[in-house]
């Protein structure tokens, strides 16, 4: 596993992925199967390993704290993904002949349905919000389907809101970076890969706040803005310039759209705290900030009648099945609507027309019989015999 991390992980993982995978190895792989020879890891060994994990307590930062919570299925699936990749490399390096993890399926994961706000609830939240940063962040998340790290990492050079662009309905933002808290050891191990700027690097802290490139290429994207939001961003920029002038040399100009009055970056924890306070004050259903992005995706699928590719262009999902799996209930509504349209267009014309023709033919037959009493009498006799 050490060779896998040093030879593969350092080249291919982002800092956050590196940190996450190192944690999985340290807490759930080395203690359970780290002593087993590579060639001795067979499918039945893996099955037993996953079964043991499901009844094992989760790792905690504070070893003194005991917890009844066991390792989740979602974590086991991440472990499976990591080990499958590691053993693929073991095959490439001629250490083993086949990858046993290809023959084993991890425990089935049933994702919990995420509670989201409706468009009306989001609008009422914005109206009730007294924190200007949070109100703008909510609108960027809902209108542009942004992750919170993308919102906080958005810089003015990527915001195109000139009067001409707004008048031409061509105002847009370009997402090519995000704000994250990263483990310093991971940054050092990866030789500062993907890191654009480090904001905080206190020696006392193990983590630091950085501006970095997105995890996947699909996250780099252009998103068109509703004109109302573009005008709000124009006003926001003017207000920010007033703060710049007020603070003078003390202003930290990081070119960030969402920041504190003195220009310093705003952490995700700050947004989450303000968001929770807003929920408490308004009595709106309790959700996490990321749920606004889910509301956005849901709303856009409704507006565009389930156009997955168009929605994916805004959300930045690397694969369309992320949308079809998570938002299948919205797509089902459109499929139900298709059945209704089919009924009114196909059955409402072709079949009904055919039925009406049959009715006309029967009427003609009755009229003909009335004009021929002898034939009508003969048919009546035959019916009586039956």
Protein backbone atom coordinates (compact mmCIF):
# COMPACT_ATOMS: atom_id res chain seq x y z
CA UNK A 1 0.00 0.00 0.00
CA UNK A 2 2.92 2.34 0.70
CA UNK A 3 4.27 1.73 -2.82
CA UNK A 4 0.78 2.31 -4.23
CA UNK A 5 0.49 5.66 -2.44
CA UNK A 6 4.02 6.78 -3.34
CA UNK A 7 4.03 5.61 -6.98
CA UNK A 8 0.37 6.05 -7.98
CA UNK A 9 -1.43 8.26 -5.46
CA UNK A 10 1.05 11.13 -5.49
CA UNK A 11 0.72 11.39 -9.29
CA UNK A 12 -3.03 10.97 -9.62
CA UNK A 13 -4.77 12.20 -6.46
CA UNK A 14 -5.77 15.69 -5.42
CA UNK A 15 -4.75 16.90 -1.96
CA UNK A 16 -8.22 16.20 -0.50
CA UNK A 17 -8.35 12.71 -2.06
CA UNK A 18 -4.83 11.99 -0.82
CA UNK A 19 -5.78 13.00 2.71
CA UNK A 20 -9.00 10.93 2.62
CA UNK A 21 -7.27 7.81 1.26
CA UNK A 22 -4.40 8.01 3.75
CA UNK A 23 -7.01 8.14 6.51
CA UNK A 24 -8.78 5.03 5.13
CA UNK A 25 -5.50 3.12 4.97
CA UNK A 26 -4.47 4.16 8.47
CA UNK A 27 -7.82 3.49 10.16
CA UNK A 28 -9.49 0.66 8.23
CA UNK A 29 -7.01 -1.15 5.99
CA UNK A 30 -3.70 -1.51 7.86
CA UNK A 31 -5.28 -2.53 11.22
CA UNK A 32 -7.51 -5.19 9.63
CA UNK A 33 -5.65 -6.72 6.66
CA UNK A 34 -2.30 -4.92 6.64
CA UNK A 35 -0.50 -8.03 7.96
CA UNK A 36 -1.79 -10.35 5.19
CA UNK A 37 0.47 -11.29 2.28
CA UNK A 38 -0.66 -9.78 -1.01
CA UNK A 39 -1.19 -13.19 -2.66
CA UNK A 40 -3.30 -14.38 0.31
CA UNK A 41 -6.01 -11.75 -0.26
CA UNK A 42 -8.73 -13.85 -1.89
CA UNK A 43 -12.42 -13.06 -2.51
CA UNK A 44 -13.51 -14.93 0.64
CA UNK A 45 -10.93 -13.01 2.72
CA UNK A 46 -12.37 -9.76 1.34
CA UNK A 47 -15.96 -10.82 2.10
CA UNK A 48 -14.98 -11.61 5.70
CA UNK A 49 -13.10 -8.31 5.94
CA UNK A 50 -16.15 -6.27 4.83
CA UNK A 51 -18.39 -8.18 7.23
CA UNK A 52 -16.01 -7.42 10.12
CA UNK A 53 -15.84 -3.74 9.16
CA UNK A 54 -19.63 -3.42 9.31
CA UNK A 55 -19.59 -4.39 12.99
CA UNK A 56 -16.47 -2.36 13.89
CA UNK A 57 -16.64 1.11 15.50
CA UNK A 58 -15.78 4.13 13.39
CA UNK A 59 -12.35 5.68 13.91
CA UNK A 60 -12.37 8.87 15.96
CA UNK A 61 -9.73 11.59 16.21
CA UNK A 62 -9.89 11.37 19.99
CA UNK A 63 -9.11 7.76 20.90
CA UNK A 64 -10.49 8.31 24.42
CA UNK A 65 -13.98 8.87 23.06
CA UNK A 66 -15.89 5.62 22.57
CA UNK A 67 -18.69 5.41 20.04
CA UNK A 68 -21.39 2.88 19.24
CA UNK A 69 -21.47 4.00 15.62
CA UNK A 70 -20.09 1.35 13.26
CA UNK A 71 -18.29 1.75 9.94
CA UNK A 72 -20.85 2.86 7.36
CA UNK A 73 -21.59 1.12 4.08
CA UNK A 74 -20.57 4.32 2.27
CA UNK A 75 -17.11 4.16 3.91
CA UNK A 76 -16.73 0.47 3.02
CA UNK A 77 -17.56 1.28 -0.60
CA UNK A 78 -14.82 3.95 -0.58
CA UNK A 79 -12.40 1.37 0.86
CA UNK A 80 -13.40 -1.08 -1.88
CA UNK A 81 -12.79 1.55 -4.56
CA UNK A 82 -9.35 2.32 -3.10
CA UNK A 83 -8.27 -1.32 -2.76
CA UNK A 84 -9.57 -2.25 -6.21
CA UNK A 85 -7.35 0.49 -7.66
CA UNK A 86 -4.39 -0.62 -5.53
CA UNK A 87 -4.70 -4.26 -6.61
CA UNK A 88 -5.08 -3.21 -10.26
CA UNK A 89 -1.65 -1.66 -9.94
CA UNK A 90 -0.36 -4.80 -8.23
CA UNK A 91 -1.41 -6.73 -11.36
CA UNK A 92 0.33 -4.19 -13.61
CA UNK A 93 3.49 -4.48 -11.47
CA UNK A 94 3.38 -8.32 -11.81
CA UNK A 95 2.98 -8.83 -8.07
CA UNK A 96 -0.25 -10.84 -8.53
CA UNK A 97 -1.99 -12.42 -11.53
CA UNK A 98 -5.56 -11.24 -10.97
CA UNK A 99 -7.36 -8.61 -8.93
CA UNK A 100 -9.58 -10.37 -6.30
CA UNK A 101 -11.52 -7.16 -5.67
CA UNK A 102 -12.97 -7.41 -9.20
CA UNK A 103 -14.81 -10.55 -8.07
CA UNK A 104 -16.34 -9.04 -4.93
CA UNK A 105 -19.22 -6.59 -4.66
CA UNK A 106 -19.16 -4.21 -1.70
CA UNK A 107 -22.26 -3.92 0.51
CA UNK A 108 -25.19 -2.27 -1.24
CA UNK A 109 -25.58 1.40 -0.38
CA UNK A 110 -29.04 2.88 0.01
CA UNK A 111 -28.60 6.67 -0.01
CA UNK A 112 -30.88 8.60 2.29
CA UNK A 113 -33.25 10.98 0.58
CA UNK A 114 -31.88 14.50 1.01
CA UNK A 115 -34.38 17.06 2.21
CA UNK A 116 -34.42 20.14 0.00
CA UNK A 117 -36.15 23.50 -0.14
CA UNK A 118 -38.64 24.48 -2.80
CA UNK A 119 -38.07 27.57 -4.94
CA UNK A 120 -40.66 29.39 -2.83
CA UNK A 121 -38.84 28.49 0.41
CA UNK A 122 -35.51 29.66 -1.03
CA UNK A 123 -37.08 32.96 -2.05
CA UNK A 124 -38.51 33.49 1.45
CA UNK A 125 -35.10 32.65 2.97
CA UNK A 126 -33.38 35.26 0.78
CA UNK A 127 -35.96 37.90 1.73
CA UNK A 128 -35.53 37.16 5.45
CA UNK A 129 -31.72 36.98 5.33
CA UNK A 130 -29.85 39.84 7.03
CA UNK A 131 -26.40 38.52 6.09
CA UNK A 132 -25.60 39.90 2.62
CA UNK A 133 -22.82 37.34 2.03
CA UNK A 134 -25.15 34.45 2.80
CA UNK A 135 -28.01 35.84 0.67
CA UNK A 136 -25.68 36.12 -2.34
CA UNK A 137 -24.20 32.68 -1.68
CA UNK A 138 -27.71 31.15 -1.62
CA UNK A 139 -28.56 32.77 -4.95
CA UNK A 140 -25.30 31.64 -6.58
CA UNK A 141 -25.89 28.10 -5.36
CA UNK A 142 -29.51 28.01 -6.56
CA UNK A 143 -29.21 29.89 -9.87
CA UNK A 144 -25.82 28.42 -10.87
CA UNK A 145 -25.87 25.00 -9.14
CA UNK A 146 -22.56 25.78 -7.41
CA UNK A 147 -20.87 23.90 -4.59
CA UNK A 148 -20.05 26.02 -1.54
CA UNK A 149 -16.30 25.74 -2.23
CA UNK A 150 -16.87 27.04 -5.77
CA UNK A 151 -18.90 29.98 -4.46
CA UNK A 152 -16.24 30.96 -1.94
CA UNK A 153 -13.46 30.50 -4.49
CA UNK A 154 -15.14 32.57 -7.23
CA UNK A 155 -12.97 35.54 -8.28
CA UNK A 156 -14.02 38.72 -10.06
CA UNK A 157 -11.90 38.01 -13.15
CA UNK A 158 -14.25 35.07 -13.81
CA UNK A 159 -17.44 37.14 -13.44
CA UNK A 160 -18.64 38.65 -16.72
CA UNK A 161 -21.41 41.14 -15.95
CA UNK A 162 -20.83 44.20 -18.11
CA UNK A 163 -23.90 46.18 -19.19
CA UNK A 164 -23.49 44.93 -22.76
CA UNK A 165 -23.29 41.30 -21.58
CA UNK A 166 -26.42 41.73 -19.46
CA UNK A 167 -28.34 43.48 -22.28
CA UNK A 168 -27.40 40.65 -24.66
CA UNK A 169 -28.45 38.00 -22.11
CA UNK A 170 -24.84 36.84 -22.12
CA UNK A 171 -23.75 37.46 -18.52
CA UNK A 172 -21.88 34.45 -17.14
CA UNK A 173 -19.38 33.15 -14.59
CA UNK A 174 -16.49 30.77 -15.22
CA UNK A 175 -15.70 28.17 -12.56
CA UNK A 176 -12.08 27.01 -12.50
CA UNK A 177 -11.15 27.01 -8.80
CA UNK A 178 -12.54 26.45 -5.32
CA UNK A 179 -11.79 27.35 -1.71
CA UNK A 180 -10.99 24.41 0.58
CA UNK A 181 -9.42 23.52 3.88
CA UNK A 182 -6.54 21.11 3.13
CA UNK A 183 -4.34 19.00 5.39
CA UNK A 184 -0.83 20.50 5.26
CA UNK A 185 0.88 17.09 5.22
CA UNK A 186 -1.10 16.19 2.07
CA UNK A 187 -0.02 19.41 0.33
CA UNK A 188 3.62 18.71 1.15
CA UNK A 189 3.37 15.07 -0.01
CA UNK A 190 1.91 16.21 -3.34
CA UNK A 191 4.43 19.03 -3.70
CA UNK A 192 1.67 21.71 -3.66
CA UNK A 193 -0.05 20.16 -6.70
CA UNK A 194 -3.32 21.92 -7.70
CA UNK A 195 -2.76 24.66 -5.08
CA UNK A 196 -3.20 28.18 -6.50
CA UNK A 197 -2.89 30.19 -3.30
CA UNK A 198 -2.46 29.55 0.43
CA UNK A 199 -4.38 32.00 2.64
CA UNK A 200 -3.69 30.72 6.14
CA UNK A 201 -0.67 28.68 7.17
CA UNK A 202 -0.40 28.84 10.94
CA UNK A 203 2.23 26.52 12.41
CA UNK A 204 -0.16 25.52 15.19
CA UNK A 205 -2.77 24.18 12.76
CA UNK A 206 -2.56 20.94 10.80
CA UNK A 207 -4.89 22.34 8.11
CA UNK A 208 -4.80 25.51 6.05
CA UNK A 209 -7.20 27.44 3.82
CA UNK A 210 -6.29 27.34 0.12
CA UNK A 211 -7.54 28.27 -3.32
CA UNK A 212 -7.13 25.23 -5.58
CA UNK A 213 -8.12 23.81 -8.94
CA UNK A 214 -11.26 21.60 -9.04
CA UNK A 215 -11.08 17.87 -8.42
CA UNK A 216 -12.33 16.93 -11.90
CA UNK A 217 -12.15 18.52 -15.34
CA UNK A 218 -15.95 18.48 -15.62
CA UNK A 219 -16.10 20.92 -12.69
CA UNK A 220 -14.41 23.56 -14.88
CA UNK A 221 -17.38 25.14 -16.64
CA UNK A 222 -19.13 28.24 -17.91
CA UNK A 223 -22.51 29.07 -16.37
CA UNK A 224 -24.86 31.73 -17.72
CA UNK A 225 -26.42 34.05 -15.16
CA UNK A 226 -30.02 35.21 -14.87
CA UNK A 227 -29.95 38.96 -15.53
CA UNK A 228 -31.38 39.75 -12.09
CA UNK A 229 -28.47 37.96 -10.41
CA UNK A 230 -26.00 39.68 -12.74
CA UNK A 231 -27.35 43.08 -11.66
CA UNK A 232 -27.12 42.04 -8.01
CA UNK A 233 -23.46 41.14 -8.57
CA UNK A 234 -22.86 44.58 -10.10
CA UNK A 235 -24.27 46.22 -6.94
CA UNK A 236 -22.23 43.84 -4.78
CA UNK A 237 -19.04 44.84 -6.59
CA UNK A 238 -19.80 48.55 -6.00
CA UNK A 239 -20.33 47.89 -2.28
CA UNK A 240 -17.07 45.94 -2.12
CA UNK A 241 -15.22 48.89 -3.69
CA UNK A 242 -16.58 51.14 -0.92
CA UNK A 243 -15.11 48.76 1.69
CA UNK A 244 -11.80 48.76 -0.21
CA UNK A 245 -11.63 52.53 -0.02
CA UNK A 246 -12.60 52.51 3.67
CA UNK A 247 -9.96 49.95 4.74
CA UNK A 248 -7.26 51.36 2.45
CA UNK A 249 -3.90 49.62 2.92
CA UNK A 250 -5.44 47.24 5.46
CA UNK A 251 -7.73 45.74 2.81
CA UNK A 252 -6.60 42.25 1.72
CA UNK A 253 -7.40 42.20 -1.96
CA UNK A 254 -7.72 38.54 -2.91
CA UNK A 255 -10.15 39.36 -5.77
CA UNK A 256 -12.78 37.10 -4.15
CA UNK A 257 -16.47 37.71 -4.82
CA UNK A 258 -17.61 36.39 -1.42
CA UNK A 259 -15.35 37.61 1.38
CA UNK A 260 -15.39 39.62 4.60
CA UNK A 261 -15.51 43.42 4.54
CA UNK A 262 -11.70 43.64 4.79
CA UNK A 263 -11.20 41.22 1.89
CA UNK A 264 -10.21 38.12 3.88
CA UNK A 265 -11.63 34.81 2.58
CA UNK A 266 -14.80 33.37 4.08
CA UNK A 267 -14.68 29.76 5.30
CA UNK A 268 -17.38 27.21 4.59
CA UNK A 269 -17.96 26.89 8.35
CA UNK A 270 -18.90 30.61 8.46
CA UNK A 271 -21.53 30.13 5.74
CA UNK A 272 -22.89 27.00 7.46
CA UNK A 273 -23.17 28.78 10.80
CA UNK A 274 -25.06 31.75 9.28
CA UNK A 275 -27.25 29.37 7.28
CA UNK A 276 -28.25 27.43 10.41
CA UNK A 277 -29.08 30.69 12.20
CA UNK A 278 -31.29 31.71 9.26
CA UNK A 279 -33.17 28.41 9.48
CA UNK A 280 -33.71 28.91 13.21
CA UNK A 281 -34.98 32.46 12.72
CA UNK A 282 -37.34 31.68 9.83
CA UNK A 283 -38.60 28.27 10.94
CA UNK A 284 -37.85 26.83 7.51
CA UNK A 285 -37.22 23.06 7.23
CA UNK A 286 -33.75 22.11 8.47
CA UNK A 287 -31.40 21.35 5.59
CA UNK A 288 -27.66 21.74 4.96
CA UNK A 289 -26.35 24.44 2.64
CA UNK A 290 -25.43 21.84 -0.01
CA UNK A 291 -29.16 21.07 -0.30
CA UNK A 292 -29.58 24.38 -2.18
CA UNK A 293 -27.51 22.86 -5.00
CA UNK A 294 -29.87 19.87 -4.99
CA UNK A 295 -32.84 22.24 -5.11
CA UNK A 296 -31.20 23.96 -8.08
CA UNK A 297 -30.74 20.70 -9.99
CA UNK A 298 -34.32 19.65 -9.23
CA UNK A 299 -35.73 23.00 -10.35
CA UNK A 300 -33.71 23.03 -13.59
CA UNK A 301 -34.79 19.51 -14.49
CA UNK A 302 -38.39 20.64 -14.08
CA UNK A 303 -37.83 23.75 -16.20
CA UNK A 304 -36.10 21.94 -19.05
CA UNK A 305 -38.31 18.82 -18.97
CA UNK A 306 -35.54 16.49 -17.84
CA UNK A 307 -32.72 17.69 -20.12
CA UNK A 308 -29.93 15.87 -18.27
CA UNK A 309 -27.02 17.11 -20.42
CA UNK A 310 -28.03 20.76 -20.08
CA UNK A 311 -28.39 20.35 -16.32
CA UNK A 312 -25.07 18.50 -16.08
CA UNK A 313 -23.38 21.43 -17.82
CA UNK A 314 -24.34 23.66 -14.89
CA UNK A 315 -23.80 21.22 -12.03
CA UNK A 316 -20.39 20.01 -13.20
CA UNK A 317 -21.14 16.35 -12.43
CA UNK A 318 -18.56 14.13 -14.13
CA UNK A 319 -21.18 11.52 -15.08
CA UNK A 320 -24.84 11.82 -15.98
CA UNK A 321 -25.79 8.86 -13.78
CA UNK A 322 -25.12 11.08 -10.77
CA UNK A 323 -28.12 13.11 -11.90
CA UNK A 324 -30.31 10.20 -13.02
CA UNK A 325 -29.72 8.31 -9.75
CA UNK A 326 -30.14 11.20 -7.30
CA UNK A 327 -32.91 13.05 -9.12
CA UNK A 328 -34.81 10.08 -10.59
CA UNK A 329 -38.05 11.21 -8.88
CA UNK A 330 -38.02 14.38 -11.00
CA UNK A 331 -37.35 12.44 -14.18
CA UNK A 332 -40.19 10.05 -13.27
CA UNK A 333 -42.55 13.03 -13.13
CA UNK A 334 -41.57 13.94 -16.70
CA UNK A 335 -41.99 10.32 -17.80
CA UNK A 336 -45.46 10.36 -16.27
CA UNK A 337 -46.16 13.54 -18.22
CA UNK A 338 -44.99 11.75 -21.38
CA UNK A 339 -47.63 9.08 -20.79
CA UNK A 340 -50.28 11.78 -20.48
CA UNK A 341 -49.08 13.47 -23.69
CA UNK A 342 -49.05 10.09 -25.43
CA UNK A 343 -52.62 9.50 -24.35
CA UNK A 344 -53.86 12.85 -25.65
CA UNK A 345 -51.88 12.89 -28.91
CA UNK A 346 -51.84 9.24 -30.04
CA UNK A 347 -54.83 7.62 -28.40
CA UNK A 348 -56.78 10.88 -28.50
CA UNK A 349 -56.57 11.02 -32.30
CA UNK A 350 -55.83 7.72 -33.99
CA UNK A 351 -57.73 5.32 -31.74
CA UNK A 352 -60.63 7.66 -31.06
CA UNK A 353 -60.96 8.40 -34.76
CA UNK A 354 -61.04 4.67 -35.45
CA UNK A 355 -63.75 4.25 -32.81
CA UNK A 356 -65.79 7.07 -34.29
CA UNK A 357 -65.59 5.45 -37.74
CA UNK A 358 -66.94 2.23 -36.29
CA UNK A 359 -69.86 4.11 -34.76
CA UNK A 360 -70.70 5.72 -38.12
CA UNK A 361 -70.74 2.31 -39.83
CA UNK A 362 -73.16 0.86 -37.26
CA UNK A 363 -75.48 3.83 -37.66
CA UNK A 364 -75.48 3.35 -41.43
CA UNK A 365 -76.31 -0.35 -40.95
CA UNK A 366 -79.29 0.43 -38.68
CA UNK A 367 -80.65 2.97 -41.17
CA UNK A 368 -80.31 0.45 -43.99
CA UNK A 369 -82.23 -2.17 -42.01
CA UNK A 370 -85.01 0.29 -41.33
CA UNK A 371 -85.36 0.82 -45.07
CA UNK A 372 -85.59 -2.96 -45.64
CA UNK A 373 -88.32 -4.40 -43.33
CA UNK A 374 -88.02 -7.89 -44.82
CA UNK A 375 -84.30 -8.14 -44.01
CA UNK A 376 -84.90 -6.79 -40.49
CA UNK A 377 -87.64 -9.41 -39.93
CA UNK A 378 -85.31 -12.19 -41.14
CA UNK A 379 -82.53 -11.12 -38.75
CA UNK A 380 -85.01 -11.02 -35.85
CA UNK A 381 -86.11 -14.63 -36.63
CA UNK A 382 -82.47 -15.80 -36.66
CA UNK A 383 -81.80 -14.12 -33.32
CA UNK A 384 -84.87 -15.78 -31.78
CA UNK A 385 -83.64 -19.20 -32.98
CA UNK A 386 -80.32 -18.60 -31.16
